[in-house]
Amino acid sequence: MSDRFHFARLMADAWFTKLESMSEKTREELTHEVSGHTMVGEYIGSQDYQHLVKYSRVSIIFYAIVGNNSEHSCWPCSMAWGLFKKYGLDVVKIEDLGTFSNYDKLCDQMETTFKQVAKSPIA
């Protein structure tokens, strides 16, 4: 019988390893800033749970912060990335493609980006 919490424990180990690398003051500041929120990330680097991209280290790559009991889906990316970087957390790579007020131009940019990603190496 498998341990249904095995994966959660792996993520917890990665998270606690990151927290242990921070000073107590930094951990307290992070705890205060994210109080009432959930940080969302992807567990990477385990040889047993590899995705398409092979990572050389075990970590959590964060990509969102969601307010608990909030009517909003998540923080704006710039705000979340600012917090992640402030505390030295790994973040998903993003690229700002601009702001669009024209739907057709948005669709054109999405198609161009899709084609670029489809042609690029998996790494």
N, C-alpha and C. Protein backbone atom coordinates (compact mmCIF):
# COMPACT_ATOMS: atom_id res chain seq x y z
N MET A 1 0.85 -1.19 0.00
CA MET A 1 0.00 0.00 0.00
C MET A 1 0.89 1.25 0.00
N SER A 2 0.60 2.17 -0.89
CA SER A 2 1.43 3.37 -0.98
C SER A 2 0.97 4.42 0.03
N ASP A 3 1.91 5.28 0.38
CA ASP A 3 1.64 6.37 1.31
C ASP A 3 1.00 7.52 0.53
N ARG A 4 -0.24 7.82 0.82
CA ARG A 4 -0.95 8.84 0.04
C ARG A 4 -0.40 10.25 0.25
N PHE A 5 0.44 10.43 1.25
CA PHE A 5 1.01 11.74 1.52
C PHE A 5 2.47 11.84 1.07
N HIS A 6 2.96 10.83 0.35
CA HIS A 6 4.36 10.80 -0.06
C HIS A 6 4.76 12.06 -0.84
N PHE A 7 3.99 12.41 -1.83
CA PHE A 7 4.33 13.57 -2.66
C PHE A 7 4.27 14.86 -1.84
N ALA A 8 3.29 14.98 -0.97
CA ALA A 8 3.19 16.17 -0.10
C ALA A 8 4.42 16.28 0.80
N ARG A 9 4.91 15.14 1.27
CA ARG A 9 6.11 15.15 2.11
C ARG A 9 7.35 15.60 1.31
N LEU A 10 7.44 15.16 0.06
CA LEU A 10 8.56 15.60 -0.78
C LEU A 10 8.54 17.11 -0.97
N MET A 11 7.36 17.65 -1.22
CA MET A 11 7.24 19.10 -1.38
C MET A 11 7.57 19.81 -0.07
N ALA A 12 7.10 19.26 1.03
CA ALA A 12 7.38 19.86 2.34
C ALA A 12 8.88 19.86 2.61
N ASP A 13 9.56 18.77 2.28
CA ASP A 13 11.01 18.71 2.47
C ASP A 13 11.70 19.81 1.66
N ALA A 14 11.29 20.00 0.41
CA ALA A 14 11.88 21.05 -0.43
C ALA A 14 11.61 22.43 0.17
N TRP A 15 10.39 22.63 0.68
CA TRP A 15 10.03 23.92 1.26
C TRP A 15 10.81 24.18 2.54
N PHE A 16 10.89 23.19 3.42
CA PHE A 16 11.62 23.39 4.67
C PHE A 16 13.12 23.56 4.43
N THR A 17 13.65 22.91 3.42
CA THR A 17 15.06 23.12 3.06
C THR A 17 15.29 24.58 2.68
N LYS A 18 14.36 25.14 1.90
CA LYS A 18 14.46 26.55 1.51
C LYS A 18 14.35 27.45 2.73
N LEU A 19 13.38 27.17 3.60
CA LEU A 19 13.21 27.99 4.80
C LEU A 19 14.44 27.95 5.70
N GLU A 20 15.06 26.79 5.81
CA GLU A 20 16.24 26.65 6.65
C GLU A 20 17.42 27.46 6.13
N SER A 21 17.42 27.77 4.84
CA SER A 21 18.50 28.57 4.26
C SER A 21 18.33 30.06 4.56
N MET A 22 17.17 30.44 5.07
CA MET A 22 16.88 31.84 5.39
C MET A 22 17.18 32.12 6.86
N SER A 23 17.45 33.38 7.15
CA SER A 23 17.62 33.77 8.55
C SER A 23 16.24 33.75 9.23
N GLU A 24 16.25 33.69 10.53
CA GLU A 24 14.99 33.68 11.27
C GLU A 24 14.18 34.94 10.99
N LYS A 25 14.87 36.08 10.91
CA LYS A 25 14.18 37.35 10.62
C LYS A 25 13.51 37.30 9.24
N THR A 26 14.23 36.78 8.25
CA THR A 26 13.67 36.69 6.90
C THR A 26 12.47 35.76 6.87
N ARG A 27 12.57 34.62 7.56
CA ARG A 27 11.42 33.69 7.62
C ARG A 27 10.21 34.37 8.25
N GLU A 28 10.44 35.14 9.31
CA GLU A 28 9.33 35.84 9.97
C GLU A 28 8.71 36.88 9.04
N GLU A 29 9.54 37.60 8.30
CA GLU A 29 9.02 38.60 7.35
C GLU A 29 8.19 37.94 6.26
N LEU A 30 8.71 36.83 5.72
CA LEU A 30 7.98 36.10 4.69
C LEU A 30 6.65 35.60 5.24
N THR A 31 6.68 35.03 6.41
CA THR A 31 5.45 34.53 7.04
C THR A 31 4.43 35.64 7.20
N HIS A 32 4.89 36.80 7.62
CA HIS A 32 4.00 37.94 7.81
C HIS A 32 3.40 38.41 6.47
N GLU A 33 4.26 38.48 5.43
CA GLU A 33 3.79 38.97 4.13
C GLU A 33 2.79 38.05 3.45
N VAL A 34 2.93 36.75 3.67
CA VAL A 34 2.02 35.81 2.99
C VAL A 34 0.91 35.31 3.90
N SER A 35 0.83 35.86 5.10
CA SER A 35 -0.24 35.46 6.02
C SER A 35 -1.59 35.69 5.34
N GLY A 36 -2.43 34.67 5.35
CA GLY A 36 -3.74 34.77 4.71
C GLY A 36 -3.70 34.49 3.22
N HIS A 37 -2.56 34.00 2.74
CA HIS A 37 -2.39 33.71 1.31
C HIS A 37 -1.79 32.32 1.13
N THR A 38 -1.91 31.80 -0.06
CA THR A 38 -1.29 30.53 -0.43
C THR A 38 -0.37 30.77 -1.61
N MET A 39 0.89 30.35 -1.46
CA MET A 39 1.83 30.43 -2.57
C MET A 39 1.70 29.14 -3.38
N VAL A 40 1.64 29.27 -4.70
CA VAL A 40 1.43 28.12 -5.58
C VAL A 40 2.69 27.88 -6.38
N GLY A 41 3.15 26.62 -6.39
CA GLY A 41 4.36 26.31 -7.12
C GLY A 41 4.39 24.86 -7.58
N GLU A 42 5.39 24.58 -8.40
CA GLU A 42 5.57 23.24 -8.94
C GLU A 42 6.82 22.61 -8.34
N TYR A 43 6.67 21.39 -7.86
CA TYR A 43 7.79 20.62 -7.32
C TYR A 43 8.63 20.10 -8.49
N ILE A 44 9.93 20.34 -8.44
CA ILE A 44 10.81 19.93 -9.55
C ILE A 44 12.02 19.16 -9.04
N GLY A 45 12.64 18.42 -9.93
CA GLY A 45 13.96 17.86 -9.67
C GLY A 45 14.03 16.44 -9.14
N SER A 46 12.94 15.86 -8.72
CA SER A 46 12.98 14.49 -8.22
C SER A 46 13.15 13.53 -9.39
N GLN A 47 14.08 12.59 -9.27
CA GLN A 47 14.29 11.61 -10.33
C GLN A 47 13.05 10.72 -10.51
N ASP A 48 12.25 10.57 -9.46
CA ASP A 48 11.06 9.74 -9.54
C ASP A 48 9.86 10.46 -10.15
N TYR A 49 9.90 11.78 -10.19
CA TYR A 49 8.75 12.56 -10.68
C TYR A 49 9.21 13.62 -11.68
N GLN A 50 9.95 13.22 -12.70
CA GLN A 50 10.44 14.15 -13.69
C GLN A 50 9.35 14.51 -14.69
N HIS A 51 9.36 15.75 -15.11
CA HIS A 51 8.49 16.22 -16.17
C HIS A 51 9.28 16.15 -17.47
N LEU A 52 8.83 16.83 -18.47
CA LEU A 52 9.56 16.87 -19.74
C LEU A 52 10.93 17.50 -19.59
N VAL A 53 11.03 18.52 -18.75
CA VAL A 53 12.29 19.20 -18.51
C VAL A 53 12.98 18.55 -17.32
N LYS A 54 14.24 18.16 -17.50
CA LYS A 54 15.02 17.56 -16.42
C LYS A 54 15.70 18.68 -15.64
N TYR A 55 15.43 18.72 -14.35
CA TYR A 55 16.03 19.74 -13.49
C TYR A 55 17.19 19.13 -12.72
N SER A 56 18.20 19.93 -12.46
CA SER A 56 19.40 19.44 -11.78
C SER A 56 19.31 19.56 -10.26
N ARG A 57 18.24 20.12 -9.76
CA ARG A 57 18.08 20.29 -8.31
C ARG A 57 16.64 20.10 -7.92
N VAL A 58 16.44 19.73 -6.67
CA VAL A 58 15.08 19.60 -6.13
C VAL A 58 14.69 20.96 -5.56
N SER A 59 13.52 21.43 -5.94
CA SER A 59 13.05 22.73 -5.47
C SER A 59 11.56 22.86 -5.76
N ILE A 60 11.03 24.01 -5.41
CA ILE A 60 9.67 24.40 -5.80
C ILE A 60 9.81 25.67 -6.61
N ILE A 61 9.26 25.66 -7.81
CA ILE A 61 9.27 26.86 -8.65
C ILE A 61 7.88 27.50 -8.52
N PHE A 62 7.85 28.69 -7.97
CA PHE A 62 6.58 29.36 -7.68
C PHE A 62 6.06 30.14 -8.88
N TYR A 63 4.73 30.24 -8.96
CA TYR A 63 4.14 31.00 -10.07
C TYR A 63 2.90 31.78 -9.70
N ALA A 64 2.41 31.69 -8.47
CA ALA A 64 1.22 32.46 -8.12
C ALA A 64 1.11 32.61 -6.60
N ILE A 65 0.37 33.63 -6.20
CA ILE A 65 -0.02 33.82 -4.80
C ILE A 65 -1.52 34.10 -4.82
N VAL A 66 -2.24 33.31 -4.06
CA VAL A 66 -3.70 33.41 -4.02
C VAL A 66 -4.11 33.82 -2.61
N GLY A 67 -4.98 34.81 -2.54
CA GLY A 67 -5.52 35.20 -1.24
C GLY A 67 -6.53 34.17 -0.76
N ASN A 68 -6.34 33.69 0.46
CA ASN A 68 -7.30 32.75 1.02
C ASN A 68 -8.64 33.47 1.22
N ASN A 69 -9.71 32.83 0.84
CA ASN A 69 -11.05 33.40 0.98
C ASN A 69 -11.20 34.73 0.25
N SER A 70 -10.56 34.86 -0.89
CA SER A 70 -10.60 36.09 -1.67
C SER A 70 -11.47 35.90 -2.90
N GLU A 71 -12.11 36.96 -3.35
CA GLU A 71 -12.89 36.88 -4.57
C GLU A 71 -12.00 37.00 -5.81
N HIS A 72 -10.74 37.40 -5.62
CA HIS A 72 -9.79 37.53 -6.72
C HIS A 72 -9.04 36.21 -6.91
N SER A 73 -8.72 35.90 -8.17
CA SER A 73 -8.07 34.62 -8.44
C SER A 73 -6.63 34.57 -7.91
N CYS A 74 -5.85 35.63 -8.11
CA CYS A 74 -4.49 35.64 -7.61
C CYS A 74 -3.92 37.06 -7.69
N TRP A 75 -2.75 37.24 -7.08
CA TRP A 75 -2.06 38.52 -7.15
C TRP A 75 -1.64 38.77 -8.59
N PRO A 76 -1.48 40.03 -8.99
CA PRO A 76 -0.88 40.31 -10.29
C PRO A 76 0.53 39.72 -10.34
N CYS A 77 0.95 39.24 -11.50
CA CYS A 77 2.26 38.59 -11.63
C CYS A 77 3.40 39.46 -11.11
N SER A 78 3.39 40.74 -11.45
CA SER A 78 4.49 41.61 -11.03
C SER A 78 4.60 41.67 -9.50
N MET A 79 3.47 41.65 -8.83
CA MET A 79 3.48 41.70 -7.37
C MET A 79 3.99 40.37 -6.79
N ALA A 80 3.50 39.26 -7.32
CA ALA A 80 3.93 37.94 -6.83
C ALA A 80 5.41 37.73 -7.11
N TRP A 81 5.87 38.05 -8.33
CA TRP A 81 7.28 37.86 -8.68
C TRP A 81 8.17 38.72 -7.80
N GLY A 82 7.70 39.93 -7.46
CA GLY A 82 8.46 40.81 -6.56
C GLY A 82 8.68 40.15 -5.22
N LEU A 83 7.63 39.53 -4.67
CA LEU A 83 7.77 38.84 -3.39
C LEU A 83 8.68 37.63 -3.51
N PHE A 84 8.49 36.82 -4.55
CA PHE A 84 9.33 35.63 -4.75
C PHE A 84 10.81 36.02 -4.82
N LYS A 85 11.10 37.04 -5.61
CA LYS A 85 12.50 37.46 -5.77
C LYS A 85 13.04 38.06 -4.49
N LYS A 86 12.23 38.80 -3.77
CA LYS A 86 12.65 39.41 -2.51
C LYS A 86 13.17 38.35 -1.54
N TYR A 87 12.56 37.18 -1.55
CA TYR A 87 12.94 36.12 -0.61
C TYR A 87 13.78 35.02 -1.26
N GLY A 88 14.25 35.25 -2.47
CA GLY A 88 15.13 34.30 -3.12
C GLY A 88 14.47 32.99 -3.51
N LEU A 89 13.18 33.04 -3.79
CA LEU A 89 12.46 31.83 -4.18
C LEU A 89 12.56 31.64 -5.69
N ASP A 90 12.57 30.39 -6.13
CA ASP A 90 12.59 30.10 -7.55
C ASP A 90 11.24 30.46 -8.16
N VAL A 91 11.27 31.04 -9.35
CA VAL A 91 10.03 31.43 -10.03
C VAL A 91 10.01 30.88 -11.45
N VAL A 92 8.82 30.66 -11.95
CA VAL A 92 8.63 30.23 -13.32
C VAL A 92 9.03 31.38 -14.23
N LYS A 93 9.71 31.07 -15.31
CA LYS A 93 10.11 32.10 -16.27
C LYS A 93 8.88 32.59 -17.02
N ILE A 94 8.76 33.91 -17.10
CA ILE A 94 7.67 34.50 -17.87
C ILE A 94 8.23 35.58 -18.79
N GLU A 95 7.45 35.93 -19.77
CA GLU A 95 7.83 37.00 -20.68
C GLU A 95 6.60 37.87 -20.92
N ASP A 96 6.75 39.16 -20.71
CA ASP A 96 5.66 40.10 -20.94
C ASP A 96 5.52 40.33 -22.44
N LEU A 97 4.38 40.00 -22.98
CA LEU A 97 4.14 40.15 -24.42
C LEU A 97 3.38 41.43 -24.73
N GLY A 98 3.10 42.21 -23.72
CA GLY A 98 2.43 43.49 -23.95
C GLY A 98 1.02 43.51 -23.41
N THR A 99 0.39 44.65 -23.60
CA THR A 99 -1.01 44.85 -23.21
C THR A 99 -1.80 45.08 -24.49
N PHE A 100 -2.93 44.45 -24.59
CA PHE A 100 -3.70 44.49 -25.83
C PHE A 100 -5.10 45.02 -25.58
N SER A 101 -5.50 45.98 -26.38
CA SER A 101 -6.87 46.48 -26.33
C SER A 101 -7.64 46.01 -27.57
N ASN A 102 -6.93 45.34 -28.47
CA ASN A 102 -7.54 44.84 -29.69
C ASN A 102 -7.46 43.32 -29.67
N TYR A 103 -8.60 42.67 -29.74
CA TYR A 103 -8.67 41.21 -29.64
C TYR A 103 -7.91 40.52 -30.76
N ASP A 104 -8.01 41.01 -31.97
CA ASP A 104 -7.31 40.39 -33.10
C ASP A 104 -5.79 40.44 -32.91
N LYS A 105 -5.29 41.57 -32.41
CA LYS A 105 -3.84 41.69 -32.17
C LYS A 105 -3.40 40.74 -31.05
N LEU A 106 -4.24 40.60 -30.04
CA LEU A 106 -3.95 39.63 -28.97
C LEU A 106 -3.85 38.22 -29.55
N CYS A 107 -4.81 37.85 -30.38
CA CYS A 107 -4.81 36.51 -30.99
C CYS A 107 -3.58 36.31 -31.87
N ASP A 108 -3.21 37.33 -32.64
CA ASP A 108 -2.02 37.24 -33.49
C ASP A 108 -0.78 37.01 -32.64
N GLN A 109 -0.66 37.76 -31.54
CA GLN A 109 0.51 37.61 -30.66
C GLN A 109 0.53 36.23 -30.01
N MET A 110 -0.62 35.73 -29.60
CA MET A 110 -0.70 34.40 -28.99
C MET A 110 -0.29 33.33 -29.99
N GLU A 111 -0.73 33.47 -31.24
CA GLU A 111 -0.36 32.50 -32.27
C GLU A 111 1.14 32.54 -32.55
N THR A 112 1.71 33.73 -32.64
CA THR A 112 3.15 33.87 -32.86
C THR A 112 3.93 33.24 -31.71
N THR A 113 3.51 33.50 -30.49
CA THR A 113 4.18 32.95 -29.32
C THR A 113 4.05 31.43 -29.29
N PHE A 114 2.88 30.92 -29.60
CA PHE A 114 2.66 29.47 -29.66
C PHE A 114 3.64 28.82 -30.63
N LYS A 115 3.79 29.42 -31.81
CA LYS A 115 4.69 28.86 -32.82
C LYS A 115 6.15 28.91 -32.35
N GLN A 116 6.53 30.01 -31.69
CA GLN A 116 7.90 30.12 -31.19
C GLN A 116 8.18 29.05 -30.13
N VAL A 117 7.25 28.85 -29.24
CA VAL A 117 7.42 27.85 -28.19
C VAL A 117 7.45 26.44 -28.79
N ALA A 118 6.59 26.19 -29.75
CA ALA A 118 6.53 24.86 -30.38
C ALA A 118 7.84 24.51 -31.08
N LYS A 119 8.53 25.50 -31.61
CA LYS A 119 9.79 25.27 -32.33
C LYS A 119 11.01 25.24 -31.42
N SER A 120 10.87 25.73 -30.20
CA SER A 120 12.04 25.86 -29.32
C SER A 120 12.40 24.53 -28.65
N PRO A 121 13.65 24.38 -28.23
CA PRO A 121 14.06 23.15 -27.54
C PRO A 121 13.29 22.98 -26.22
N ILE A 122 13.06 21.76 -25.82
CA ILE A 122 12.28 21.48 -24.61
C ILE A 122 12.92 22.10 -23.36
N ALA A 123 14.24 22.11 -23.30
CA ALA A 123 14.92 22.69 -22.14
C ALA A 123 14.70 24.19 -22.06
